[in-house]
Amino acid sequence: MARVGMPAALIGMLFSVVYVAFARSASRFGAASLAIVGIANRIEAIQFMTGAAIGTAGAALVGQNLGAGRPERAAEAIRIGVRWIVVISLVLTAVLMAFPHAFIGMFTADPEVHRVGAPYLRVLSLCMVFVGIEVVMSEAILGSGHTAAISWIFSSVSLLRIPLAFWVPDWTGLGVLGIGWLITVTCVVRTLLIMAWVARGSWKRGLHRDLHGTPAVPPTPPGA
């Protein structure tokens, strides 16, 4: 259980650490930049929670169908979840692109935050579809018990983001907008890695090899 559970737990822990790094880097560019990182994170939660809900439902179906020896039905559950989140993500992308100020206005009326935040949200909106796909796929795959590979992908990207959070804004001269581009580009890369691993299909065997090893030889009854 630890071997399955710990890699999954690591994903969430590193995600929180990365956003501390984003906030620390953004604080160098002023209060408005720091504020928009927090605001955008809350807005992104709309997408994340929707994807997580679909992915969690998918995880139950993946686990059930792998246990029943029907891996293709498990794969179909993931495909259906991805189709759902792509439609939802496209709608959210269009709304964020068109009305970034409306979302920011739910948190603050500060004109400087609006000035900095509108382009920041538009950049983040470019990865909404990819974020949706990666969340649905990764959550659903966790139902197969193969958490180590997904954790490795997430953890590697998360650790890479920490130094890049300080380097990219300075190197590009974009300030906090550089953090937005960093989040977007790394989300796209991470999603492509997850899709490539899922396409391999090794997860379809579930934990059969882990939980069903060679059966022990029963002891010989006395007097046999």
C-alpha atoms as a PDB file:
ATOM      1  CA  MET A   1       0.000   0.000   0.000  1.00  0.00           C
ATOM      2  CA  ALA A   2       2.904   2.345   0.732  1.00  0.00           C
ATOM      3  CA  ARG A   3       4.419   1.600  -2.669  1.00  0.00           C
ATOM      4  CA  VAL A   4       1.170   2.610  -4.372  1.00  0.00           C
ATOM      5  CA  GLY A   5       0.192   5.450  -2.050  1.00  0.00           C
ATOM      6  CA  MET A   6       3.446   7.332  -1.448  1.00  0.00           C
ATOM      7  CA  PRO A   7       4.144   8.258  -5.094  1.00  0.00           C
ATOM      8  CA  ALA A   8       0.607   9.629  -5.407  1.00  0.00           C
ATOM      9  CA  ALA A   9       1.029  11.662  -2.207  1.00  0.00           C
ATOM     10  CA  LEU A  10       4.301  13.105  -3.503  1.00  0.00           C
ATOM     11  CA  ILE A  11       2.509  14.685  -6.466  1.00  0.00           C
ATOM     12  CA  GLY A  12       0.366  16.906  -4.240  1.00  0.00           C
ATOM     13  CA  MET A  13       3.188  17.809  -1.876  1.00  0.00           C
ATOM     14  CA  LEU A  14       5.510  19.000  -4.637  1.00  0.00           C
ATOM     15  CA  PHE A  15       2.680  20.896  -6.322  1.00  0.00           C
ATOM     16  CA  SER A  16       2.297  22.987  -3.160  1.00  0.00           C
ATOM     17  CA  VAL A  17       6.054  23.580  -2.887  1.00  0.00           C
ATOM     18  CA  VAL A  18       6.226  24.784  -6.489  1.00  0.00           C
ATOM     19  CA  TYR A  19       3.569  27.433  -5.922  1.00  0.00           C
ATOM     20  CA  VAL A  20       5.527  28.727  -2.950  1.00  0.00           C
ATOM     21  CA  ALA A  21       8.445  29.198  -5.374  1.00  0.00           C
ATOM     22  CA  PHE A  22       6.164  30.922  -7.899  1.00  0.00           C
ATOM     23  CA  ALA A  23       4.907  33.303  -5.211  1.00  0.00           C
ATOM     24  CA  ARG A  24       8.423  34.055  -3.994  1.00  0.00           C
ATOM     25  CA  SER A  25       9.612  34.811  -7.522  1.00  0.00           C
ATOM     26  CA  ALA A  26       6.555  36.935  -8.339  1.00  0.00           C
ATOM     27  CA  SER A  27       7.022  39.005  -5.183  1.00  0.00           C
ATOM     28  CA  ARG A  28      10.174  40.481  -6.741  1.00  0.00           C
ATOM     29  CA  PHE A  29       8.014  42.280  -9.298  1.00  0.00           C
ATOM     30  CA  GLY A  30       5.620  43.947  -6.875  1.00  0.00           C
ATOM     31  CA  ALA A  31       2.449  43.321  -4.924  1.00  0.00           C
ATOM     32  CA  ALA A  32       0.247  43.156  -8.032  1.00  0.00           C
ATOM     33  CA  SER A  33       2.389  40.387  -9.526  1.00  0.00           C
ATOM     34  CA  LEU A  34       2.280  38.417  -6.305  1.00  0.00           C
ATOM     35  CA  ALA A  35      -1.485  38.882  -6.100  1.00  0.00           C
ATOM     36  CA  ILE A  36      -2.158  37.647  -9.625  1.00  0.00           C
ATOM     37  CA  VAL A  37      -0.241  34.403  -9.056  1.00  0.00           C
ATOM     38  CA  GLY A  38      -2.555  33.614  -6.132  1.00  0.00           C
ATOM     39  CA  ILE A  39      -5.670  34.763  -7.965  1.00  0.00           C
ATOM     40  CA  ALA A  40      -4.834  32.759 -11.087  1.00  0.00           C
ATOM     41  CA  ASN A  41      -4.200  29.668  -8.976  1.00  0.00           C
ATOM     42  CA  ARG A  42      -7.719  29.943  -7.579  1.00  0.00           C
ATOM     43  CA  ILE A  43      -9.195  30.459 -11.033  1.00  0.00           C
ATOM     44  CA  GLU A  44      -7.275  27.431 -12.305  1.00  0.00           C
ATOM     45  CA  ALA A  45      -8.927  25.437  -9.528  1.00  0.00           C
ATOM     46  CA  ILE A  46     -12.154  25.511 -11.588  1.00  0.00           C
ATOM     47  CA  GLN A  47     -10.383  23.471 -14.242  1.00  0.00           C
ATOM     48  CA  PHE A  48      -8.427  21.323 -11.809  1.00  0.00           C
ATOM     49  CA  MET A  49     -11.407  20.293  -9.666  1.00  0.00           C
ATOM     50  CA  THR A  50     -13.515  19.512 -12.735  1.00  0.00           C
ATOM     51  CA  GLY A  51     -10.743  17.372 -14.199  1.00  0.00           C
ATOM     52  CA  ALA A  52     -10.087  15.692 -10.847  1.00  0.00           C
ATOM     53  CA  ALA A  53     -13.774  14.818 -10.484  1.00  0.00           C
ATOM     54  CA  ILE A  54     -13.899  13.227 -13.933  1.00  0.00           C
ATOM     55  CA  GLY A  55     -10.555  11.514 -13.344  1.00  0.00           C
ATOM     56  CA  THR A  56     -11.630  10.111  -9.979  1.00  0.00           C
ATOM     57  CA  ALA A  57     -14.728   8.624 -11.584  1.00  0.00           C
ATOM     58  CA  GLY A  58     -12.469   7.225 -14.283  1.00  0.00           C
ATOM     59  CA  ALA A  59     -10.155   5.702 -11.648  1.00  0.00           C
ATOM     60  CA  ALA A  60     -13.049   3.711 -10.205  1.00  0.00           C
ATOM     61  CA  LEU A  61     -13.975   2.417 -13.653  1.00  0.00           C
ATOM     62  CA  VAL A  62     -10.360   1.653 -14.545  1.00  0.00           C
ATOM     63  CA  GLY A  63      -9.825  -0.318 -11.346  1.00  0.00           C
ATOM     64  CA  GLN A  64     -13.114  -2.173 -11.706  1.00  0.00           C
ATOM     65  CA  ASN A  65     -12.545  -3.162 -15.315  1.00  0.00           C
ATOM     66  CA  LEU A  66      -8.915  -4.157 -14.848  1.00  0.00           C
ATOM     67  CA  GLY A  67     -10.026  -6.344 -11.946  1.00  0.00           C
ATOM     68  CA  ALA A  68     -12.618  -7.899 -14.222  1.00  0.00           C
ATOM     69  CA  GLY A  69      -9.991  -8.586 -16.885  1.00  0.00           C
ATOM     70  CA  ARG A  70     -11.364  -6.014 -19.340  1.00  0.00           C
ATOM     71  CA  PRO A  71      -8.480  -3.583 -20.018  1.00  0.00           C
ATOM     72  CA  GLU A  72      -9.976  -2.190 -23.224  1.00  0.00           C
ATOM     73  CA  ARG A  73     -13.102  -1.147 -21.362  1.00  0.00           C
ATOM     74  CA  ALA A  74     -10.829   0.616 -18.825  1.00  0.00           C
ATOM     75  CA  ALA A  75      -9.093   2.413 -21.702  1.00  0.00           C
ATOM     76  CA  GLU A  76     -12.461   3.466 -23.099  1.00  0.00           C
ATOM     77  CA  ALA A  77     -13.393   4.983 -19.721  1.00  0.00           C
ATOM     78  CA  ILE A  78     -10.275   7.158 -19.924  1.00  0.00           C
ATOM     79  CA  ARG A  79     -11.062   8.215 -23.497  1.00  0.00           C
ATOM     80  CA  ILE A  80     -14.587   9.233 -22.535  1.00  0.00           C
ATOM     81  CA  GLY A  81     -13.248  11.274 -19.613  1.00  0.00           C
ATOM     82  CA  VAL A  82     -10.746  13.005 -21.884  1.00  0.00           C
ATOM     83  CA  ARG A  83     -13.455  13.892 -24.393  1.00  0.00           C
ATOM     84  CA  TRP A  84     -15.561  15.421 -21.628  1.00  0.00           C
ATOM     85  CA  ILE A  85     -12.732  17.527 -20.223  1.00  0.00           C
ATOM     86  CA  VAL A  86     -11.595  18.732 -23.648  1.00  0.00           C
ATOM     87  CA  VAL A  87     -15.051  20.207 -24.310  1.00  0.00           C
ATOM     88  CA  ILE A  88     -15.170  21.831 -20.868  1.00  0.00           C
ATOM     89  CA  SER A  89     -11.602  23.123 -21.252  1.00  0.00           C
ATOM     90  CA  LEU A  90     -12.275  24.699 -24.629  1.00  0.00           C
ATOM     91  CA  VAL A  91     -15.208  26.610 -23.160  1.00  0.00           C
ATOM     92  CA  LEU A  92     -13.115  27.782 -20.206  1.00  0.00           C
ATOM     93  CA  THR A  93     -10.265  28.792 -22.532  1.00  0.00           C
ATOM     94  CA  ALA A  94     -12.597  30.923 -24.632  1.00  0.00           C
ATOM     95  CA  VAL A  95     -14.135  32.586 -21.570  1.00  0.00           C
ATOM     96  CA  LEU A  96     -10.747  33.350 -19.983  1.00  0.00           C
ATOM     97  CA  MET A  97      -9.435  34.758 -23.240  1.00  0.00           C
ATOM     98  CA  ALA A  98     -12.452  36.999 -23.726  1.00  0.00           C
ATOM     99  CA  PHE A  99     -13.173  38.092 -20.135  1.00  0.00           C
ATOM    100  CA  PRO A 100     -10.027  37.960 -17.961  1.00  0.00           C
ATOM    101  CA  HIS A 101     -11.021  41.129 -16.105  1.00  0.00           C
ATOM    102  CA  ALA A 102     -14.327  39.599 -15.052  1.00  0.00           C
ATOM    103  CA  PHE A 103     -12.501  36.775 -13.288  1.00  0.00           C
ATOM    104  CA  ILE A 104      -9.942  39.060 -11.679  1.00  0.00           C
ATOM    105  CA  GLY A 105     -12.762  41.365 -10.595  1.00  0.00           C
ATOM    106  CA  MET A 106     -14.155  38.609  -8.396  1.00  0.00           C
ATOM    107  CA  PHE A 107     -11.070  39.045  -6.195  1.00  0.00           C
ATOM    108  CA  THR A 108      -9.966  42.681  -6.521  1.00  0.00           C
ATOM    109  CA  ALA A 109     -10.700  46.006  -8.189  1.00  0.00           C
ATOM    110  CA  ASP A 110      -7.058  47.128  -8.047  1.00  0.00           C
ATOM    111  CA  PRO A 111      -6.235  48.537 -11.522  1.00  0.00           C
ATOM    112  CA  GLU A 112      -2.601  47.415 -11.308  1.00  0.00           C
ATOM    113  CA  VAL A 113      -3.624  43.815 -10.637  1.00  0.00           C
ATOM    114  CA  HIS A 114      -5.988  44.007 -13.619  1.00  0.00           C
ATOM    115  CA  ARG A 115      -3.229  45.439 -15.828  1.00  0.00           C
ATOM    116  CA  VAL A 116      -0.771  42.705 -14.888  1.00  0.00           C
ATOM    117  CA  GLY A 117      -3.330  39.948 -14.558  1.00  0.00           C
ATOM    118  CA  ALA A 118      -5.234  40.129 -17.863  1.00  0.00           C
ATOM    119  CA  PRO A 119      -2.276  39.055 -20.060  1.00  0.00           C
ATOM    120  CA  TYR A 120      -1.207  36.553 -17.376  1.00  0.00           C
ATOM    121  CA  LEU A 121      -4.607  34.827 -17.473  1.00  0.00           C
ATOM    122  CA  ARG A 122      -4.651  34.831 -21.271  1.00  0.00           C
ATOM    123  CA  VAL A 123      -1.296  33.054 -21.323  1.00  0.00           C
ATOM    124  CA  LEU A 124      -2.492  30.488 -18.790  1.00  0.00           C
ATOM    125  CA  SER A 125      -5.658  29.896 -20.785  1.00  0.00           C
ATOM    126  CA  LEU A 126      -3.510  28.445 -23.584  1.00  0.00           C
ATOM    127  CA  CYS A 127      -2.788  25.350 -21.492  1.00  0.00           C
ATOM    128  CA  MET A 128      -6.298  24.718 -20.150  1.00  0.00           C
ATOM    129  CA  VAL A 129      -6.964  21.850 -22.551  1.00  0.00           C
ATOM    130  CA  PHE A 130      -3.623  20.246 -21.717  1.00  0.00           C
ATOM    131  CA  VAL A 131      -4.172  20.663 -17.969  1.00  0.00           C
ATOM    132  CA  GLY A 132      -7.576  19.025 -18.268  1.00  0.00           C
ATOM    133  CA  ILE A 133      -6.202  16.066 -20.207  1.00  0.00           C
ATOM    134  CA  GLU A 134      -3.289  15.482 -17.830  1.00  0.00           C
ATOM    135  CA  VAL A 135      -5.469  15.657 -14.717  1.00  0.00           C
ATOM    136  CA  VAL A 136      -8.102  13.279 -16.076  1.00  0.00           C
ATOM    137  CA  MET A 137      -5.528  10.824 -17.409  1.00  0.00           C
ATOM    138  CA  SER A 138      -3.300  10.835 -14.346  1.00  0.00           C
ATOM    139  CA  GLU A 139      -6.188  10.537 -11.870  1.00  0.00           C
ATOM    140  CA  ALA A 140      -7.753   7.709 -13.876  1.00  0.00           C
ATOM    141  CA  ILE A 141      -4.451   5.847 -14.244  1.00  0.00           C
ATOM    142  CA  LEU A 142      -3.973   5.971 -10.477  1.00  0.00           C
ATOM    143  CA  GLY A 143      -6.913   3.553 -10.359  1.00  0.00           C
ATOM    144  CA  SER A 144      -4.696   0.956 -12.006  1.00  0.00           C
ATOM    145  CA  GLY A 145      -2.219   1.145  -9.128  1.00  0.00           C
ATOM    146  CA  HIS A 146       0.623   2.294 -11.399  1.00  0.00           C
ATOM    147  CA  THR A 147       1.357   5.469  -9.462  1.00  0.00           C
ATOM    148  CA  ALA A 148       5.164   5.483  -9.686  1.00  0.00           C
ATOM    149  CA  ALA A 149       5.431   6.449 -13.364  1.00  0.00           C
ATOM    150  CA  ILE A 150       2.850   9.241 -13.077  1.00  0.00           C
ATOM    151  CA  SER A 151       4.548  10.500  -9.912  1.00  0.00           C
ATOM    152  CA  TRP A 152       7.943  10.469 -11.617  1.00  0.00           C
ATOM    153  CA  ILE A 153       6.641  12.629 -14.472  1.00  0.00           C
ATOM    154  CA  PHE A 154       4.887  15.099 -12.179  1.00  0.00           C
ATOM    155  CA  SER A 155       7.745  15.247  -9.673  1.00  0.00           C
ATOM    156  CA  SER A 156      10.436  15.772 -12.312  1.00  0.00           C
ATOM    157  CA  VAL A 157       8.558  18.671 -13.885  1.00  0.00           C
ATOM    158  CA  SER A 158       7.737  20.150 -10.461  1.00  0.00           C
ATOM    159  CA  LEU A 159      11.367  20.086  -9.331  1.00  0.00           C
ATOM    160  CA  LEU A 160      12.479  21.620 -12.632  1.00  0.00           C
ATOM    161  CA  ARG A 161       9.948  24.415 -12.228  1.00  0.00           C
ATOM    162  CA  ILE A 162      11.516  25.671  -8.972  1.00  0.00           C
ATOM    163  CA  PRO A 163      14.789  27.047 -10.429  1.00  0.00           C
ATOM    164  CA  LEU A 164      13.042  28.033 -13.675  1.00  0.00           C
ATOM    165  CA  ALA A 165      10.561  30.131 -11.682  1.00  0.00           C
ATOM    166  CA  PHE A 166      13.438  32.489 -10.864  1.00  0.00           C
ATOM    167  CA  TRP A 167      15.420  32.187 -14.085  1.00  0.00           C
ATOM    168  CA  VAL A 168      12.756  32.465 -16.807  1.00  0.00           C
ATOM    169  CA  PRO A 169      11.204  35.817 -15.702  1.00  0.00           C
ATOM    170  CA  ASP A 170      14.658  37.449 -15.596  1.00  0.00           C
ATOM    171  CA  TRP A 171      15.993  35.819 -18.765  1.00  0.00           C
ATOM    172  CA  THR A 172      12.933  36.759 -20.824  1.00  0.00           C
ATOM    173  CA  GLY A 173      12.473  40.159 -19.184  1.00  0.00           C
ATOM    174  CA  LEU A 174       8.748  39.413 -18.907  1.00  0.00           C
ATOM    175  CA  GLY A 175       8.505  39.600 -15.128  1.00  0.00           C
ATOM    176  CA  VAL A 176       5.534  37.728 -13.724  1.00  0.00           C
ATOM    177  CA  LEU A 177       4.291  37.008 -17.253  1.00  0.00           C
ATOM    178  CA  GLY A 178       7.353  34.794 -17.601  1.00  0.00           C
ATOM    179  CA  ILE A 179       5.975  32.657 -14.776  1.00  0.00           C
ATOM    180  CA  GLY A 180       2.729  32.347 -16.722  1.00  0.00           C
ATOM    181  CA  TRP A 181       4.618  31.142 -19.792  1.00  0.00           C
ATOM    182  CA  LEU A 182       6.661  28.743 -17.653  1.00  0.00           C
ATOM    183  CA  ILE A 183       3.490  27.199 -16.226  1.00  0.00           C
ATOM    184  CA  THR A 184       1.922  26.918 -19.676  1.00  0.00           C
ATOM    185  CA  VAL A 185       4.901  25.378 -21.451  1.00  0.00           C
ATOM    186  CA  THR A 186       5.686  22.885 -18.674  1.00  0.00           C
ATOM    187  CA  CYS A 187       2.023  21.859 -18.516  1.00  0.00           C
ATOM    188  CA  VAL A 188       2.082  21.080 -22.244  1.00  0.00           C
ATOM    189  CA  VAL A 189       5.311  19.085 -21.914  1.00  0.00           C
ATOM    190  CA  ARG A 190       4.011  17.188 -18.879  1.00  0.00           C
ATOM    191  CA  THR A 191       0.757  16.323 -20.630  1.00  0.00           C
ATOM    192  CA  LEU A 192       2.597  14.977 -23.688  1.00  0.00           C
ATOM    193  CA  LEU A 193       4.791  12.808 -21.442  1.00  0.00           C
ATOM    194  CA  ILE A 194       1.752  11.428 -19.618  1.00  0.00           C
ATOM    195  CA  MET A 195      -0.061  10.739 -22.894  1.00  0.00           C
ATOM    196  CA  ALA A 196       3.002   8.923 -24.248  1.00  0.00           C
ATOM    197  CA  TRP A 197       3.276   6.755 -21.135  1.00  0.00           C
ATOM    198  CA  VAL A 198      -0.449   5.951 -21.114  1.00  0.00           C
ATOM    199  CA  ALA A 199      -0.243   5.003 -24.798  1.00  0.00           C
ATOM    200  CA  ARG A 200       2.348   2.324 -23.922  1.00  0.00           C
ATOM    201  CA  GLY A 201      -0.430   0.390 -22.182  1.00  0.00           C
ATOM    202  CA  SER A 202       1.693  -1.206 -19.447  1.00  0.00           C
ATOM    203  CA  TRP A 203      -0.835   0.071 -16.889  1.00  0.00           C
ATOM    204  CA  LYS A 204      -3.448  -2.296 -18.333  1.00  0.00           C
ATOM    205  CA  ARG A 205      -2.054  -5.208 -16.375  1.00  0.00           C
ATOM    206  CA  GLY A 206      -2.999  -3.426 -13.113  1.00  0.00           C
ATOM    207  CA  LEU A 207      -1.187  -4.816 -10.076  1.00  0.00           C
ATOM    208  CA  HIS A 208      -1.614  -8.426 -11.086  1.00  0.00           C
ATOM    209  CA  ARG A 209       2.118  -9.141 -10.910  1.00  0.00           C
ATOM    210  CA  ASP A 210       2.407  -7.373  -7.559  1.00  0.00           C
ATOM    211  CA  LEU A 211      -0.544  -9.039  -5.864  1.00  0.00           C
ATOM    212  CA  HIS A 212      -0.644 -12.404  -7.586  1.00  0.00           C
ATOM    213  CA  GLY A 213       2.801 -13.894  -7.393  1.00  0.00           C
ATOM    214  CA  THR A 214       3.592 -17.579  -7.596  1.00  0.00           C
ATOM    215  CA  PRO A 215       1.230 -19.280  -5.154  1.00  0.00           C
ATOM    216  CA  ALA A 216       2.832 -20.951  -2.186  1.00  0.00           C
ATOM    217  CA  VAL A 217       2.953 -24.761  -2.162  1.00  0.00           C
ATOM    218  CA  PRO A 218       0.437 -25.985   0.469  1.00  0.00           C
ATOM    219  CA  PRO A 219       1.952 -28.001   3.305  1.00  0.00           C
ATOM    220  CA  THR A 220       1.757 -31.759   3.029  1.00  0.00           C
ATOM    221  CA  PRO A 221      -0.965 -33.094   5.361  1.00  0.00           C
ATOM    222  CA  PRO A 222       0.273 -35.298   8.198  1.00  0.00           C
ATOM    223  CA  GLY A 223       0.315 -38.961   7.292  1.00  0.00           C
ATOM    224  CA  ALA A 224       0.209 -38.285   3.565  1.00  0.00           C
END
